[in-house]
Protein backbone atom coordinates (compact mmCIF):
# COMPACT_ATOMS: atom_id res chain seq x y z
CA MET A 1 -4.70 -32.77 33.67
CA ASN A 2 -5.36 -32.23 29.97
CA HIS A 3 -2.20 -32.24 27.82
CA SER A 4 -3.90 -31.89 24.45
CA LYS A 5 -2.18 -29.61 21.99
CA LYS A 6 -3.97 -26.53 20.75
CA ILE A 7 -4.28 -26.55 16.96
CA PHE A 8 -3.43 -23.29 15.22
CA ARG A 9 -5.91 -22.33 12.55
CA PRO A 10 -5.06 -19.14 10.64
CA THR A 11 -7.78 -16.59 10.02
CA LYS A 12 -9.07 -16.00 6.51
CA ALA A 13 -7.22 -12.65 6.39
CA ALA A 14 -3.94 -14.31 7.44
CA THR A 15 -4.40 -16.95 4.75
CA VAL A 16 -5.02 -14.30 2.09
CA ARG A 17 -1.94 -12.33 3.24
CA THR A 18 0.15 -15.50 3.07
CA LEU A 19 -1.07 -16.25 -0.46
CA LEU A 20 -0.35 -12.68 -1.59
CA ALA A 21 3.12 -12.79 -0.04
CA GLY A 22 3.75 -16.10 -1.83
CA MET A 23 2.65 -14.66 -5.16
CA LEU A 24 4.91 -11.62 -4.68
CA ALA A 25 7.80 -13.91 -3.77
CA ALA A 26 7.18 -15.94 -6.94
CA VAL A 27 7.17 -12.76 -8.99
CA CYS A 28 10.48 -11.74 -7.43
CA LEU A 29 12.09 -15.17 -7.68
CA PHE A 30 11.09 -16.03 -11.22
CA GLY A 31 11.75 -12.61 -12.68
CA PHE A 32 8.27 -11.65 -13.82
CA VAL A 33 9.21 -8.00 -13.82
CA SER A 34 9.35 -5.40 -16.52
CA PRO A 35 12.27 -5.57 -18.97
CA ALA A 36 13.44 -2.18 -17.71
CA SER A 37 14.17 -3.71 -14.32
CA ALA A 38 15.93 -6.77 -15.73
CA ALA A 39 19.28 -5.27 -14.69
CA ARG A 40 18.34 -5.38 -11.01
CA LEU A 41 19.76 -2.63 -8.81
CA CYS A 42 20.89 -3.91 -5.38
CA LEU A 43 22.40 -1.77 -2.63
CA PRO A 44 22.34 -1.59 1.17
CA HIS A 45 18.87 -0.50 2.35
CA GLY A 46 19.85 3.03 3.42
CA ASP A 47 21.54 3.68 0.08
CA ILE A 48 18.48 2.56 -1.93
CA ALA A 49 16.17 4.78 0.13
CA LYS A 50 18.48 7.80 -0.30
CA LEU A 51 18.86 7.14 -4.04
CA LEU A 52 15.10 6.88 -4.64
CA ASN A 53 14.53 10.08 -2.70
CA ALA A 54 17.33 12.05 -4.35
CA ARG A 55 16.78 10.86 -7.92
CA PHE A 56 12.98 10.45 -8.05
CA SER A 57 11.63 12.25 -4.93
CA GLU A 58 10.17 8.92 -3.79
CA ALA A 59 9.62 7.97 -0.16
CA ARG A 60 8.24 4.80 1.44
CA VAL A 61 4.44 4.67 1.37
CA ALA A 62 3.87 1.02 2.27
CA ALA A 63 5.79 -1.89 3.77
CA GLY A 64 5.28 -5.46 4.89
CA VAL A 65 7.26 -8.51 5.91
CA ALA A 66 7.17 -11.46 3.49
CA SER A 67 6.85 -15.01 4.77
CA GLY A 68 10.58 -15.60 4.17
CA GLY A 69 11.50 -12.67 6.39
CA GLY A 70 12.25 -10.16 3.64
CA LEU A 71 10.96 -6.60 3.84
CA VAL A 72 8.81 -5.53 0.88
CA GLU A 73 8.50 -1.76 0.47
CA ILE A 74 6.75 0.52 -1.98
CA PHE A 75 8.28 3.92 -2.57
CA SER A 76 6.31 6.60 -4.39
CA THR A 77 6.21 10.31 -5.09
CA THR A 78 3.68 12.30 -3.04
CA ASP A 79 1.39 12.58 -6.07
CA GLY A 80 1.83 8.93 -7.08
CA ALA A 81 3.37 9.83 -10.43
CA THR A 82 6.08 7.17 -10.03
CA TRP A 83 6.60 4.16 -7.76
CA THR A 84 9.26 1.57 -7.00
CA ILE A 85 9.02 -1.83 -5.27
CA VAL A 86 12.06 -2.78 -3.19
CA VAL A 87 12.67 -6.11 -1.46
CA THR A 88 15.23 -6.22 1.36
CA SER A 89 16.72 -9.51 2.50
CA PRO A 90 17.06 -10.26 6.23
CA GLN A 91 20.80 -9.62 5.72
CA GLY A 92 20.07 -5.99 4.69
CA MET A 93 20.65 -6.00 0.92
CA SER A 94 17.85 -4.20 -0.95
CA CYS A 95 16.94 -4.80 -4.59
CA VAL A 96 14.59 -2.92 -6.88
CA VAL A 97 12.23 -5.51 -8.36
CA SER A 98 9.82 -3.28 -10.27
CA ALA A 99 8.97 0.34 -10.96
CA GLY A 100 6.23 2.20 -12.76
CA GLU A 101 3.83 5.11 -12.92
CA GLY A 102 0.45 5.98 -11.44
CA TRP A 103 0.54 4.66 -7.86
CA HIS A 104 -2.88 4.81 -6.13
CA SER A 105 -3.26 4.32 -2.38
CA ARG A 106 -6.46 3.41 -0.63
CA LYS A 107 -7.55 2.60 2.88
CA ALA A 108 -7.16 -0.99 3.96
CA LEU A 109 -10.30 -3.07 3.71
CA VAL A 110 -11.25 -4.44 7.12
CA LEU A 111 -12.71 -7.93 7.05
CA GLY A 112 -14.46 -9.65 9.91
CA PRO A 113 -16.53 -8.62 12.92
CA GLN A 114 -14.80 -5.25 13.37
CA ALA A 115 -16.06 -4.04 9.96
């Protein structure tokens, strides 16, 4: 009977996602955000989503889970005129970390044999 442990080796795409999540976390943690967002707005998640929709006509266009378990979301208008990045802690508090103009979406780039 073979009791050897299987070694987990992340794919290149998983490694890139982890690095990007780490860079975003560093941006959030060390405050590399625009001066306009220095007075960070934090509210329960539902309240932030309602506020962005009511005040700026923004809705969620992208989301992902950061390595620390936080939810990172991008809200934008349908034409991309304005956008807002919101990070929600696992406890449910959401904070605006950055906002701007000119959001552009594109299809995800598929790497690997399925491309």
